[in-house]
Amino acid sequence: MDLAPIWEQLAHSINQLPRSGLLLAALIAMAVGVLGTITVRRIPLLGKLLRAGSTLALMGVLLLVVLQLSRIDPRFELAVPELGLPQQVVEGGETRVELAPDGHFWLRAQINGSPADFLVDTGATLTAVSTETAARVGLEPREGGLPVRMQTANGAVAAQITTIEELRFGNVAARGLDAVIAPGLGPTNVLGMNLLSRLASWRVEGNTMILVPHNPQTPVATD
């Protein structure tokens, strides 16, 4: 199991913590720990409680970081709905996508019932939604979510992670899907490997991409 991508993302996420609410929690926990160290000589019990609380809080921040990063790899399939980390499910029937004149595979999809076009990108780790699309369909950054580094035509940017309650295209439905709201994409949205890798299979035959999900269901019609 290659953990290098996860460690690289962990290092980047730590660098990006100033843009996350997790930083505030970590700073408060550290301040409480310092206060506990100062207090322990005068009021031992209180000081020990403060230090223990600080340690638990810092462990909680680290756990949230690990939980969110682990969801990038579908082999882990970690879900904690109570923390806003629902199970990511992709199901439906076989869907075929024809190659567009520009040489790419494009999908006409629905995000929570609103139409949106997606470029299928097998080189993208995460599904990405442009800021314009996110605003139009009502996607909000996940509270306490880690910024994720993305490479765009204008360079590396920090994108905010979000959850798509339902993404439908062809005969496929994805629910609870992690995605990022990415500045610098313009009107483009990207369907990444965090969805494709949850399919039973996907392949390209000639000018057709064939997507085969698990758990067949009634075909879904999209405009």
Protein backbone atom coordinates (compact mmCIF):
# COMPACT_ATOMS: atom_id res chain seq x y z
CA MET A 1 0.00 0.00 0.00
CA ASP A 2 1.49 3.28 -1.13
CA LEU A 3 0.90 5.88 1.60
CA ALA A 4 3.12 8.55 0.01
CA PRO A 5 0.21 10.57 -1.50
CA ILE A 6 -1.57 10.64 1.87
CA TRP A 7 1.59 11.79 3.69
CA GLU A 8 2.19 14.47 1.04
CA GLN A 9 -1.39 15.70 1.45
CA LEU A 10 -1.02 15.59 5.25
CA ALA A 11 2.09 17.80 5.04
CA HIS A 12 0.31 20.23 2.75
CA SER A 13 -2.79 20.28 4.94
CA ILE A 14 -0.67 21.15 7.97
CA ASN A 15 0.82 24.04 5.99
CA GLN A 16 -2.70 25.17 5.11
CA LEU A 17 -4.08 24.98 8.66
CA PRO A 18 -4.06 28.79 9.02
CA ARG A 19 -6.94 28.77 6.53
CA SER A 20 -8.88 26.18 8.51
CA GLY A 21 -10.95 26.34 11.67
CA LEU A 22 -8.87 23.43 12.91
CA LEU A 23 -6.00 25.84 13.50
CA LEU A 24 -8.05 27.79 16.04
CA ALA A 25 -8.93 24.58 17.87
CA ALA A 26 -5.30 23.47 17.91
CA LEU A 27 -4.09 26.87 19.16
CA ILE A 28 -6.68 26.94 21.94
CA ALA A 29 -5.71 23.40 22.96
CA MET A 30 -2.03 24.34 23.08
CA ALA A 31 -2.81 27.47 25.10
CA VAL A 32 -4.78 25.37 27.58
CA GLY A 33 -1.81 23.01 27.83
CA VAL A 34 0.56 25.90 28.60
CA LEU A 35 -1.88 27.21 31.18
CA GLY A 36 -2.02 23.76 32.75
CA THR A 37 1.77 23.63 32.98
CA ILE A 38 1.81 27.02 34.72
CA THR A 39 -1.03 26.09 37.05
CA VAL A 40 0.12 22.61 38.03
CA ARG A 41 2.60 23.90 40.62
CA ARG A 42 0.00 25.96 42.47
CA ILE A 43 -3.12 23.87 41.88
CA PRO A 44 -1.90 20.39 40.87
CA LEU A 45 -5.30 18.85 40.18
CA LEU A 46 -6.49 21.75 37.99
CA GLY A 47 -3.18 21.87 36.15
CA LYS A 48 -3.28 18.15 35.39
CA LEU A 49 -6.88 18.42 34.16
CA LEU A 50 -5.98 21.30 31.86
CA ARG A 51 -3.02 19.41 30.42
CA ALA A 52 -5.08 16.27 29.93
CA GLY A 53 -7.80 18.28 28.20
CA SER A 54 -5.21 19.90 25.95
CA THR A 55 -3.78 16.53 24.95
CA LEU A 56 -7.23 15.09 24.19
CA ALA A 57 -8.17 18.13 22.11
CA LEU A 58 -4.96 17.94 20.06
CA MET A 59 -5.55 14.22 19.52
CA GLY A 60 -9.06 15.06 18.33
CA VAL A 61 -7.72 17.58 15.79
CA LEU A 62 -5.23 15.01 14.52
CA LEU A 63 -7.97 12.38 14.29
CA LEU A 64 -10.12 14.72 12.17
CA VAL A 65 -7.16 15.36 9.87
CA VAL A 66 -6.52 11.63 9.44
CA LEU A 67 -10.22 10.82 8.93
CA GLN A 68 -10.61 13.41 6.19
CA LEU A 69 -7.40 12.45 4.40
CA SER A 70 -8.19 8.74 4.58
CA ARG A 71 -11.38 9.31 2.57
CA ILE A 72 -9.25 10.18 -0.45
CA ASP A 73 -8.38 6.47 -0.71
CA PRO A 74 -11.52 4.30 -1.19
CA ARG A 75 -9.72 1.30 0.31
CA PHE A 76 -10.26 2.83 3.75
CA GLU A 77 -13.95 3.76 3.31
CA LEU A 78 -14.12 5.58 6.64
CA ALA A 79 -17.42 7.28 7.37
CA VAL A 80 -18.53 9.20 10.47
CA PRO A 81 -21.88 10.85 9.60
CA GLU A 82 -22.01 12.54 13.02
CA LEU A 83 -18.89 14.53 12.02
CA GLY A 84 -20.21 15.41 8.57
CA LEU A 85 -18.32 12.53 6.92
CA PRO A 86 -21.08 10.38 5.35
CA GLN A 87 -20.49 7.09 3.58
CA GLN A 88 -19.55 7.59 -0.07
CA VAL A 89 -21.72 5.37 -2.27
CA VAL A 90 -21.73 5.05 -6.06
CA GLU A 91 -24.42 2.85 -7.58
CA GLY A 92 -26.64 2.48 -10.62
CA GLY A 93 -26.43 0.98 -14.11
CA GLU A 94 -23.90 0.96 -16.93
CA THR A 95 -23.36 4.36 -18.50
CA ARG A 96 -21.54 5.09 -21.77
CA VAL A 97 -19.93 8.43 -22.49
CA GLU A 98 -18.88 9.37 -26.01
CA LEU A 99 -15.69 11.26 -26.73
CA ALA A 100 -16.38 14.95 -27.36
CA PRO A 101 -14.95 16.83 -30.38
CA ASP A 102 -12.39 18.46 -28.07
CA GLY A 103 -10.88 15.03 -27.28
CA HIS A 104 -12.28 14.80 -23.72
CA PHE A 105 -15.09 12.89 -22.07
CA TRP A 106 -17.83 15.18 -20.75
CA LEU A 107 -20.82 14.32 -18.59
CA ARG A 108 -24.10 16.15 -18.24
CA ALA A 109 -24.87 15.66 -14.55
CA GLN A 110 -27.10 16.89 -11.76
CA ILE A 111 -25.73 18.12 -8.43
CA ASN A 112 -28.48 17.87 -5.83
CA GLY A 113 -30.95 18.25 -8.69
CA SER A 114 -29.22 21.17 -10.47
CA PRO A 115 -27.60 20.61 -13.90
CA ALA A 116 -23.83 20.83 -14.30
CA ASP A 117 -21.27 19.64 -16.85
CA PHE A 118 -18.25 17.60 -15.73
CA LEU A 119 -14.98 16.77 -17.42
CA VAL A 120 -13.96 13.18 -16.62
CA ASP A 121 -10.33 13.38 -15.51
CA THR A 122 -8.61 10.12 -14.52
CA GLY A 123 -5.61 12.14 -13.38
CA ALA A 124 -7.61 14.03 -10.74
CA THR A 125 -7.62 12.56 -7.24
CA LEU A 126 -10.80 14.35 -6.14
CA THR A 127 -13.95 15.52 -7.83
CA ALA A 128 -13.81 19.32 -8.14
CA VAL A 129 -16.59 21.87 -8.51
CA SER A 130 -15.92 25.41 -9.63
CA THR A 131 -16.78 28.27 -7.30
CA GLU A 132 -19.38 29.42 -9.83
CA THR A 133 -21.11 26.04 -9.87
CA ALA A 134 -20.90 25.69 -6.08
CA ALA A 135 -22.60 29.05 -5.60
CA ARG A 136 -25.30 28.17 -8.11
CA VAL A 137 -26.18 24.77 -6.63
CA GLY A 138 -25.72 25.80 -2.99
CA LEU A 139 -22.62 23.80 -2.03
CA GLU A 140 -20.88 25.06 1.11
CA PRO A 141 -17.39 24.27 2.46
CA ARG A 142 -17.44 21.53 5.08
CA GLU A 143 -17.20 22.93 8.59
CA GLY A 144 -13.76 22.08 9.95
CA GLY A 145 -12.70 20.72 6.57
CA LEU A 146 -9.07 20.78 5.51
CA PRO A 147 -7.95 22.86 2.54
CA VAL A 148 -6.77 20.67 -0.33
CA ARG A 149 -4.03 21.66 -2.76
CA MET A 150 -5.01 21.67 -6.42
CA GLN A 151 -2.97 22.46 -9.51
CA THR A 152 -4.76 24.73 -11.96
CA ALA A 153 -3.72 26.62 -15.07
CA ASN A 154 -2.95 29.58 -12.80
CA GLY A 155 -0.82 27.53 -10.39
CA ALA A 156 -1.46 25.75 -7.10
CA VAL A 157 -4.53 26.84 -5.11
CA ALA A 158 -6.07 25.82 -1.79
CA ALA A 159 -9.56 24.42 -2.38
CA GLN A 160 -12.21 23.93 0.29
CA ILE A 161 -13.67 20.45 0.74
CA THR A 162 -17.42 19.91 0.57
CA THR A 163 -19.94 17.07 0.42
CA ILE A 164 -22.21 16.45 -2.57
CA GLU A 165 -25.36 14.87 -1.22
CA GLU A 166 -26.25 13.43 -4.63
CA LEU A 167 -24.52 13.53 -8.00
CA ARG A 168 -26.35 11.88 -10.91
CA PHE A 169 -25.31 11.29 -14.50
CA GLY A 170 -26.53 8.76 -17.03
CA ASN A 171 -27.61 5.75 -14.98
CA VAL A 172 -25.21 6.44 -12.11
CA ALA A 173 -25.92 8.01 -8.72
CA ALA A 174 -23.23 8.99 -6.20
CA ARG A 175 -24.19 9.98 -2.66
CA GLY A 176 -22.19 11.53 0.16
CA LEU A 177 -19.36 12.20 -2.27
CA ASP A 178 -16.38 14.26 -1.15
CA ALA A 179 -15.51 17.08 -3.54
CA VAL A 180 -13.60 20.33 -3.47
CA ILE A 181 -14.75 23.83 -4.30
CA ALA A 182 -11.86 24.98 -6.44
CA PRO A 183 -11.09 28.56 -7.43
CA GLY A 184 -9.47 29.06 -10.80
CA LEU A 185 -11.46 26.39 -12.66
CA GLY A 186 -13.73 28.88 -14.38
CA PRO A 187 -16.94 27.14 -15.48
CA THR A 188 -15.26 23.71 -15.55
CA ASN A 189 -16.15 20.93 -13.10
CA VAL A 190 -14.02 17.78 -12.85
CA LEU A 191 -15.08 14.21 -12.09
CA GLY A 192 -12.12 12.59 -10.33
CA MET A 193 -10.86 9.20 -9.22
CA ASN A 194 -12.58 9.34 -5.82
CA LEU A 195 -15.77 8.58 -7.78
CA LEU A 196 -14.34 6.44 -10.60
CA SER A 197 -12.48 4.16 -8.18
CA ARG A 198 -15.76 3.39 -6.40
CA LEU A 199 -17.23 1.92 -9.59
CA ALA A 200 -17.18 -1.81 -10.21
CA SER A 201 -15.19 -0.97 -13.36
CA TRP A 202 -14.50 1.71 -15.91
CA ARG A 203 -12.75 1.46 -19.25
CA VAL A 204 -12.36 3.13 -22.63
CA GLU A 205 -13.24 1.26 -25.80
CA GLY A 206 -12.47 3.25 -28.92
CA ASN A 207 -14.20 6.60 -28.47
CA THR A 208 -16.48 5.43 -25.66
CA MET A 209 -15.91 5.44 -21.92
CA ILE A 210 -17.90 2.71 -20.17
CA LEU A 211 -18.74 3.18 -16.49
CA VAL A 212 -20.10 0.19 -14.57
CA PRO A 213 -21.19 0.85 -10.97
CA HIS A 214 -22.09 -1.54 -8.18
CA ASN A 215 -25.65 -2.17 -6.94
CA PRO A 216 -27.85 -1.82 -10.07
CA GLN A 217 -30.83 0.51 -9.74
CA THR A 218 -33.45 2.04 -11.96
CA PRO A 219 -31.83 4.11 -14.75
CA VAL A 220 -31.77 7.84 -14.14
CA ALA A 221 -32.68 10.20 -16.97
CA THR A 222 -30.75 13.46 -17.21
CA ASP A 223 -31.09 16.35 -19.60
